[in-house]
Amino acid sequence: MSAPPKSIFRKFRRSLLYLAVVFTVCVGGYHLYGWNFVDSIYMVVITMFGVGYGEVHPLDATGKVFTMFVIVAGTSAVVFVIGEVIRFITEGEIMKAIGELRKSKQVDGISGHAIICGYGRIGQILAHELAAAKFPFVVVDLDDARLALAEESGYLFVKGSATEEETLQRAHVERAIVLATVLPQDTLNVFITLTARNLNRHLRIIARGEDPSTEKKLRQAGADEVVLPAGIGGTRIAHSIIRPATVEFLGENRGLIGEELKKLGVEIDELRLHKHTHLVGKTILELQDMSEGHLLVVALQRANGNMLRSGFIEEKLQAGDSVIIIGRVHALPPALREQVDRQEVS
């Protein structure tokens, strides 16, 4: 929720100060009139708040005039405070609504994006990686606390259950290119996958699965890829036990595949073909020749998601294809570098 502007707090404090001053002056007036403090405070309270139990002590003409002043000044002070309380609440809600409307408009303008269903531990890591890669995405979650974290990070989000069509439609699933459902409940991931597939037949869906037996159900529901975090973690630990030196050398973040390749001046990258690039129609062999020896193609992913790991040297490139390469991307000829979107593989 957006915090109300500081001006609202200032006005609220000013109204309380006004009430305190009027209350003090009125109590002091009755005390000077000869009443004790308890009677004076009691008279001011029942007068200000319109209770009207009657006068504590008999009043002469001067006392009645002063009491009329207490009624006018005290009632106005109370009304002033109540009005500022209402303003504080309503303006805070208005600011919240404006903030949500602004976020909604930003979501309305998004396309070619990813949808992250679930902003738990895995969803947060996924969002961080996509943000670092400048890949547009929208977070979908029901929990206010998790959405507050997403908002603090500056991420676009939609509040609601991803199992409902209306929520995915507000996240513009029809314009998205990929959806990742990473909730810890397999049943929800199956239902989200099924719902998303019905809304967008061309959407690439990546689903998290906790139980290996759920993988079949997720694929039947329409998932293109199923990730089993427990299986990945178990395999990684097994490799560390069986081949510790190799794992250390090929480490995920600091080994040869990542930073060590960079130290050698070589990187593993994904080159995505622009929709209107002149590379469409050329073969992988022609692409390598154009690179002047600065890259080696190790895999080709078609726009439909099919991955070719061998026998692709004579394959012709198509719009939307991605080429996985090892090479010196920064040394590519400008004419070639301008024709692709670069997405580093780390």
Protein backbone atom coordinates (compact mmCIF):
# COMPACT_ATOMS: atom_id res chain seq x y z
CA MET A 1 0.00 0.00 0.00
CA SER A 2 1.33 3.44 -0.89
CA ALA A 3 1.93 5.72 2.09
CA PRO A 4 -0.24 8.83 2.28
CA PRO A 5 1.56 12.11 1.47
CA LYS A 6 3.35 13.91 4.31
CA SER A 7 0.95 16.86 3.93
CA ILE A 8 -1.86 14.64 5.26
CA PHE A 9 0.13 13.90 8.41
CA ARG A 10 0.90 17.59 8.88
CA LYS A 11 -2.78 18.55 8.64
CA PHE A 12 -3.73 15.78 11.02
CA ARG A 13 -1.17 16.94 13.59
CA ARG A 14 -2.36 20.54 13.16
CA SER A 15 -5.97 19.54 13.87
CA LEU A 16 -4.92 17.67 17.03
CA LEU A 17 -2.93 20.71 18.17
CA TYR A 18 -5.95 22.95 17.59
CA LEU A 19 -8.15 20.61 19.64
CA ALA A 20 -5.58 20.51 22.47
CA VAL A 21 -5.33 24.33 22.58
CA VAL A 22 -9.11 24.82 22.62
CA PHE A 23 -9.52 22.13 25.28
CA THR A 24 -6.82 23.70 27.48
CA VAL A 25 -8.24 27.24 27.13
CA CYS A 26 -11.76 26.06 27.95
CA VAL A 27 -10.68 24.06 31.00
CA GLY A 28 -8.61 27.03 32.16
CA GLY A 29 -11.62 29.35 31.74
CA TYR A 30 -13.87 27.26 33.98
CA HIS A 31 -11.06 26.89 36.50
CA LEU A 32 -10.64 30.67 36.65
CA TYR A 33 -14.39 30.87 37.07
CA GLY A 34 -13.86 29.08 40.39
CA TRP A 35 -14.43 25.42 39.47
CA ASN A 36 -12.00 22.63 40.34
CA PHE A 37 -10.08 20.86 37.56
CA VAL A 38 -12.23 17.71 37.56
CA ASP A 39 -15.47 19.70 37.19
CA SER A 40 -13.85 21.96 34.59
CA ILE A 41 -12.61 19.02 32.46
CA TYR A 42 -15.96 17.22 32.79
CA MET A 43 -17.88 20.33 31.69
CA VAL A 44 -15.63 20.86 28.67
CA VAL A 45 -15.87 17.22 27.55
CA ILE A 46 -19.68 16.97 27.76
CA THR A 47 -20.00 20.35 26.04
CA MET A 48 -17.51 19.67 23.22
CA PHE A 49 -19.00 16.30 22.35
CA GLY A 50 -22.60 17.46 22.63
CA VAL A 51 -23.61 15.09 25.41
CA GLY A 52 -25.51 17.82 27.23
CA TYR A 53 -25.92 16.35 30.71
CA GLY A 54 -26.49 19.84 32.06
CA GLU A 55 -24.37 22.37 33.85
CA VAL A 56 -22.07 21.08 36.59
CA HIS A 57 -22.61 24.28 38.60
CA PRO A 58 -25.10 27.11 38.13
CA LEU A 59 -23.91 29.73 35.62
CA ASP A 60 -24.49 33.43 35.57
CA ALA A 61 -24.59 35.51 32.35
CA THR A 62 -20.80 35.56 32.02
CA GLY A 63 -20.59 31.81 32.51
CA LYS A 64 -23.26 31.18 29.88
CA VAL A 65 -21.44 33.38 27.36
CA PHE A 66 -18.21 31.50 28.00
CA THR A 67 -20.06 28.17 27.67
CA MET A 68 -21.38 29.27 24.27
CA PHE A 69 -17.77 29.95 23.29
CA VAL A 70 -16.84 26.44 24.49
CA ILE A 71 -19.66 24.96 22.39
CA VAL A 72 -18.66 26.78 19.20
CA ALA A 73 -14.86 26.45 19.57
CA GLY A 74 -14.93 22.93 20.99
CA THR A 75 -17.38 21.49 18.49
CA SER A 76 -15.45 23.01 15.56
CA ALA A 77 -12.22 21.54 16.92
CA VAL A 78 -13.76 18.07 17.22
CA VAL A 79 -15.27 18.30 13.73
CA PHE A 80 -11.88 19.45 12.42
CA VAL A 81 -10.14 16.41 13.91
CA ILE A 82 -12.80 13.99 12.65
CA GLY A 83 -12.58 15.53 9.18
CA GLU A 84 -8.79 15.08 9.11
CA VAL A 85 -9.13 11.47 10.23
CA ILE A 86 -11.55 10.83 7.36
CA ARG A 87 -9.22 12.67 4.97
CA PHE A 88 -6.28 10.60 6.24
CA ILE A 89 -8.12 7.36 5.53
CA THR A 90 -9.67 8.34 2.20
CA GLU A 91 -6.60 10.02 0.73
CA GLY A 92 -4.48 7.06 1.76
CA GLU A 93 -6.90 4.77 -0.07
CA ILE A 94 -6.94 7.12 -3.05
CA MET A 95 -3.13 7.08 -3.22
CA LYS A 96 -3.23 3.31 -3.03
CA ALA A 97 -5.77 3.18 -5.85
CA ILE A 98 -3.67 5.59 -7.95
CA GLY A 99 -0.59 3.44 -7.37
CA GLU A 100 -2.45 0.29 -8.37
CA LEU A 101 -3.86 2.04 -11.43
CA ARG A 102 -0.38 3.14 -12.46
CA LYS A 103 0.89 -0.41 -12.08
CA SER A 104 -2.12 -1.69 -14.01
CA LYS A 105 -1.40 0.67 -16.90
CA GLN A 106 2.22 -0.51 -16.99
CA VAL A 107 1.06 -4.12 -17.12
CA ASP A 108 -1.44 -3.21 -19.85
CA GLY A 109 1.40 -2.03 -22.08
CA ILE A 110 3.56 -5.14 -21.75
CA SER A 111 4.05 -7.76 -24.45
CA GLY A 112 6.54 -10.46 -25.35
CA HIS A 113 6.98 -11.03 -21.63
CA ALA A 114 7.20 -13.81 -19.08
CA ILE A 115 4.61 -14.51 -16.38
CA ILE A 116 5.88 -15.79 -13.04
CA CYS A 117 3.12 -17.57 -11.14
CA GLY A 118 4.13 -17.61 -7.49
CA TYR A 119 6.54 -15.21 -5.80
CA GLY A 120 7.97 -17.54 -3.19
CA ARG A 121 11.64 -18.46 -2.87
CA ILE A 122 12.00 -19.84 -6.41
CA GLY A 123 9.81 -17.11 -7.91
CA GLN A 124 11.97 -14.43 -6.30
CA ILE A 125 15.17 -15.96 -7.67
CA LEU A 126 13.57 -16.25 -11.10
CA ALA A 127 12.41 -12.62 -11.04
CA HIS A 128 15.87 -11.44 -10.00
CA GLU A 129 17.50 -13.30 -12.89
CA LEU A 130 14.98 -12.02 -15.44
CA ALA A 131 15.38 -8.46 -14.17
CA ALA A 132 19.17 -8.76 -14.44
CA ALA A 133 18.75 -9.95 -18.03
CA LYS A 134 16.27 -7.11 -18.72
CA PHE A 135 13.64 -9.64 -19.77
CA PRO A 136 10.15 -8.19 -19.21
CA PHE A 137 7.95 -10.12 -16.79
CA VAL A 138 4.89 -9.91 -14.57
CA VAL A 139 4.59 -11.53 -11.14
CA VAL A 140 1.26 -13.15 -10.23
CA ASP A 141 0.56 -13.93 -6.58
CA LEU A 142 -2.21 -13.73 -3.98
CA ASP A 143 -0.13 -12.90 -0.92
CA ASP A 144 0.06 -9.19 -0.02
CA ALA A 145 3.39 -9.56 1.78
CA ARG A 146 5.06 -11.22 -1.21
CA LEU A 147 3.57 -8.68 -3.61
CA ALA A 148 4.92 -5.90 -1.38
CA LEU A 149 8.39 -7.39 -1.86
CA ALA A 150 7.86 -7.47 -5.62
CA GLU A 151 6.73 -3.85 -5.58
CA GLU A 152 9.76 -2.81 -3.53
CA SER A 153 11.97 -4.36 -6.19
CA GLY A 154 10.13 -2.41 -8.88
CA TYR A 155 8.59 -5.46 -10.54
CA LEU A 156 5.23 -5.42 -12.27
CA PHE A 157 2.65 -7.62 -10.59
CA VAL A 158 -0.95 -8.74 -10.70
CA LYS A 159 -2.74 -9.75 -7.51
CA GLY A 160 -4.90 -12.82 -7.85
CA SER A 161 -4.89 -16.57 -8.22
CA ALA A 162 -3.10 -17.77 -11.34
CA THR A 163 -5.55 -20.66 -11.48
CA GLU A 164 -8.23 -18.21 -12.58
CA GLU A 165 -8.50 -17.15 -16.21
CA GLU A 166 -9.32 -13.56 -15.29
CA THR A 167 -6.04 -13.19 -13.37
CA LEU A 168 -3.93 -14.52 -16.24
CA GLN A 169 -5.82 -12.30 -18.65
CA ARG A 170 -4.95 -9.28 -16.51
CA ALA A 171 -1.32 -10.39 -16.80
CA HIS A 172 -1.91 -10.47 -20.59
CA VAL A 173 -1.18 -14.14 -21.09
CA GLU A 174 -2.34 -13.75 -24.69
CA ARG A 175 0.71 -11.51 -25.37
CA ALA A 176 3.20 -13.44 -23.24
CA ILE A 177 5.80 -15.74 -24.75
CA VAL A 178 6.53 -17.83 -21.67
CA LEU A 179 4.86 -18.68 -18.37
CA ALA A 180 6.62 -20.21 -15.38
CA THR A 181 4.44 -21.68 -12.66
CA VAL A 182 6.65 -22.25 -9.63
CA LEU A 183 4.23 -22.80 -6.78
CA PRO A 184 5.17 -25.50 -4.23
CA GLN A 185 1.83 -27.29 -4.75
CA ASP A 186 1.89 -29.63 -7.76
CA THR A 187 -1.90 -29.64 -8.09
CA LEU A 188 -1.97 -25.87 -8.47
CA ASN A 189 0.84 -25.96 -11.04
CA VAL A 190 -1.11 -28.55 -13.06
CA PHE A 191 -4.26 -26.42 -12.95
CA ILE A 192 -2.37 -23.23 -13.87
CA THR A 193 -0.69 -25.01 -16.77
CA LEU A 194 -4.02 -26.25 -18.07
CA THR A 195 -5.62 -22.80 -17.73
CA ALA A 196 -2.73 -21.00 -19.41
CA ARG A 197 -2.58 -23.48 -22.28
CA ASN A 198 -6.28 -22.97 -22.99
CA LEU A 199 -5.75 -19.20 -23.10
CA ASN A 200 -2.64 -19.24 -25.31
CA ARG A 201 -1.87 -22.25 -27.49
CA HIS A 202 1.53 -20.86 -28.50
CA LEU A 203 2.70 -20.03 -24.98
CA ARG A 204 5.83 -21.76 -23.73
CA ILE A 205 5.04 -23.14 -20.27
CA ILE A 206 7.66 -24.13 -17.71
CA ALA A 207 6.27 -25.86 -14.64
CA ARG A 208 7.78 -26.74 -11.29
CA GLY A 209 7.17 -30.20 -9.95
CA GLU A 210 7.86 -31.44 -6.44
CA ASP A 211 6.84 -35.06 -6.96
CA PRO A 212 8.49 -36.79 -9.97
CA SER A 213 5.19 -38.58 -10.65
CA THR A 214 3.60 -35.20 -11.37
CA GLU A 215 5.78 -34.61 -14.42
CA LYS A 216 3.53 -36.71 -16.64
CA LYS A 217 0.43 -34.84 -15.47
CA LEU A 218 2.10 -31.46 -16.06
CA ARG A 219 3.07 -32.42 -19.60
CA GLN A 220 -0.41 -33.75 -20.29
CA ALA A 221 -1.81 -30.44 -19.05
CA GLY A 222 0.33 -28.60 -21.60
CA ALA A 223 3.72 -27.91 -19.98
CA ASP A 224 6.60 -27.70 -22.45
CA GLU A 225 9.19 -28.20 -19.75
CA VAL A 226 9.02 -29.58 -16.21
CA VAL A 227 11.67 -28.68 -13.65
CA LEU A 228 12.09 -30.84 -10.56
CA PRO A 229 14.11 -28.76 -8.04
CA ALA A 230 14.66 -31.74 -5.75
CA GLY A 231 16.00 -33.82 -8.63
CA ILE A 232 18.32 -31.05 -9.78
CA GLY A 233 19.63 -30.54 -6.27
CA GLY A 234 20.13 -34.25 -5.71
CA THR A 235 21.99 -34.64 -9.00
CA ARG A 236 24.20 -31.66 -8.21
CA ILE A 237 25.13 -33.12 -4.80
CA ALA A 238 25.79 -36.54 -6.35
CA HIS A 239 28.14 -35.00 -8.91
CA SER A 240 29.96 -33.17 -6.12
CA ILE A 241 30.49 -36.50 -4.35
CA ILE A 242 31.44 -38.57 -7.41
CA ARG A 243 33.38 -35.98 -9.43
CA PRO A 244 34.33 -33.16 -7.01
CA ALA A 245 37.23 -31.81 -9.05
CA THR A 246 35.16 -31.67 -12.23
CA VAL A 247 32.27 -29.93 -10.52
CA GLU A 248 34.62 -27.38 -8.99
CA PHE A 249 36.20 -26.77 -12.39
CA LEU A 250 32.87 -26.55 -14.22
CA GLY A 251 31.11 -24.76 -11.33
CA GLU A 252 27.73 -23.16 -11.96
CA ASN A 253 28.72 -19.58 -11.16
CA ARG A 254 32.51 -19.36 -11.10
CA GLY A 255 33.69 -22.34 -13.12
CA LEU A 256 34.60 -22.79 -16.75
CA ILE A 257 31.04 -22.46 -18.05
CA GLY A 258 30.65 -19.04 -16.49
CA GLU A 259 33.35 -16.66 -15.41
CA GLU A 260 36.35 -18.80 -16.38
CA LEU A 261 35.31 -18.73 -20.03
CA LYS A 262 35.10 -14.94 -19.82
CA LYS A 263 38.64 -14.85 -18.47
CA LEU A 264 39.69 -16.71 -21.60
CA GLY A 265 37.87 -14.12 -23.71
CA VAL A 266 35.20 -16.62 -24.74
CA GLU A 267 31.54 -16.79 -23.72
CA ILE A 268 28.58 -19.08 -24.13
CA ASP A 269 25.74 -17.01 -25.55
CA GLU A 270 22.30 -17.34 -27.02
CA LEU A 271 21.83 -15.30 -30.18
CA ARG A 272 18.19 -14.68 -30.98
CA LEU A 273 17.33 -13.77 -34.50
CA HIS A 274 15.43 -10.55 -35.08
CA LYS A 275 12.08 -10.96 -36.77
CA HIS A 276 13.22 -9.14 -39.90
CA THR A 277 16.91 -10.02 -39.91
CA HIS A 278 18.58 -10.76 -43.24
CA LEU A 279 20.02 -13.90 -41.61
CA VAL A 280 16.71 -15.68 -42.15
CA GLY A 281 17.22 -18.25 -44.88
CA LYS A 282 20.96 -18.56 -44.36
CA THR A 283 22.49 -21.79 -43.08
CA ILE A 284 24.39 -22.30 -39.84
CA LEU A 285 27.54 -22.78 -41.89
CA GLU A 286 27.02 -19.39 -43.57
CA LEU A 287 26.47 -17.80 -40.14
CA GLN A 288 29.78 -19.20 -38.88
CA ASP A 289 31.55 -17.96 -42.02
CA MET A 290 30.08 -14.49 -41.51
CA SER A 291 31.43 -14.44 -37.94
CA GLU A 292 34.98 -14.54 -39.33
CA GLY A 293 35.96 -17.31 -36.95
CA HIS A 294 34.70 -15.61 -33.77
CA LEU A 295 31.96 -18.10 -32.92
CA LEU A 296 31.16 -21.80 -33.01
CA VAL A 297 27.52 -22.90 -33.10
CA VAL A 298 26.88 -25.76 -30.65
CA ALA A 299 23.09 -25.96 -30.84
CA LEU A 300 20.09 -24.54 -32.67
CA GLN A 301 16.71 -24.00 -31.08
CA ARG A 302 13.82 -23.56 -33.44
CA ALA A 303 11.10 -21.00 -32.79
CA ASN A 304 8.75 -23.84 -31.84
CA GLY A 305 11.11 -24.93 -29.05
CA ASN A 306 12.73 -27.91 -30.78
CA MET A 307 16.43 -28.13 -29.89
CA LEU A 308 18.91 -29.45 -32.49
CA ARG A 309 22.21 -30.50 -30.93
CA SER A 310 23.77 -32.13 -33.97
CA GLY A 311 23.38 -32.39 -37.72
CA PHE A 312 22.27 -28.77 -38.04
CA ILE A 313 25.18 -27.29 -40.00
CA GLU A 314 23.14 -27.14 -43.22
CA GLU A 315 19.91 -26.11 -41.50
CA LYS A 316 18.47 -22.79 -42.66
CA LEU A 317 17.73 -20.15 -40.05
CA GLN A 318 14.13 -19.09 -39.50
CA ALA A 319 12.56 -16.09 -37.77
CA GLY A 320 12.46 -16.64 -34.01
CA ASP A 321 15.29 -19.19 -33.95
CA SER A 322 17.96 -19.05 -31.25
CA VAL A 323 21.54 -20.08 -31.86
CA ILE A 324 23.66 -21.32 -28.95
CA ILE A 325 27.27 -20.39 -29.57
CA ILE A 326 30.70 -20.42 -27.99
CA GLY A 327 32.85 -17.56 -29.10
CA ARG A 328 33.93 -13.96 -28.86
CA VAL A 329 30.60 -12.18 -29.24
CA HIS A 330 32.06 -8.72 -28.77
CA ALA A 331 34.40 -9.35 -31.68
CA LEU A 332 31.63 -10.16 -34.14
CA PRO A 333 31.49 -7.98 -37.24
CA PRO A 334 29.08 -5.05 -36.65
CA ALA A 335 26.88 -6.12 -39.56
CA LEU A 336 26.31 -9.47 -37.85
CA ARG A 337 26.09 -8.21 -34.26
CA GLU A 338 23.24 -5.83 -35.18
CA GLN A 339 21.16 -8.68 -36.55
CA VAL A 340 20.73 -10.59 -33.30
CA ASP A 341 19.53 -10.10 -29.75
CA ARG A 342 22.18 -11.29 -27.35
CA GLN A 343 21.24 -13.25 -24.23
CA GLU A 344 24.21 -14.40 -22.21
CA VAL A 345 24.11 -17.99 -21.03
CA SER A 346 25.69 -18.26 -17.57
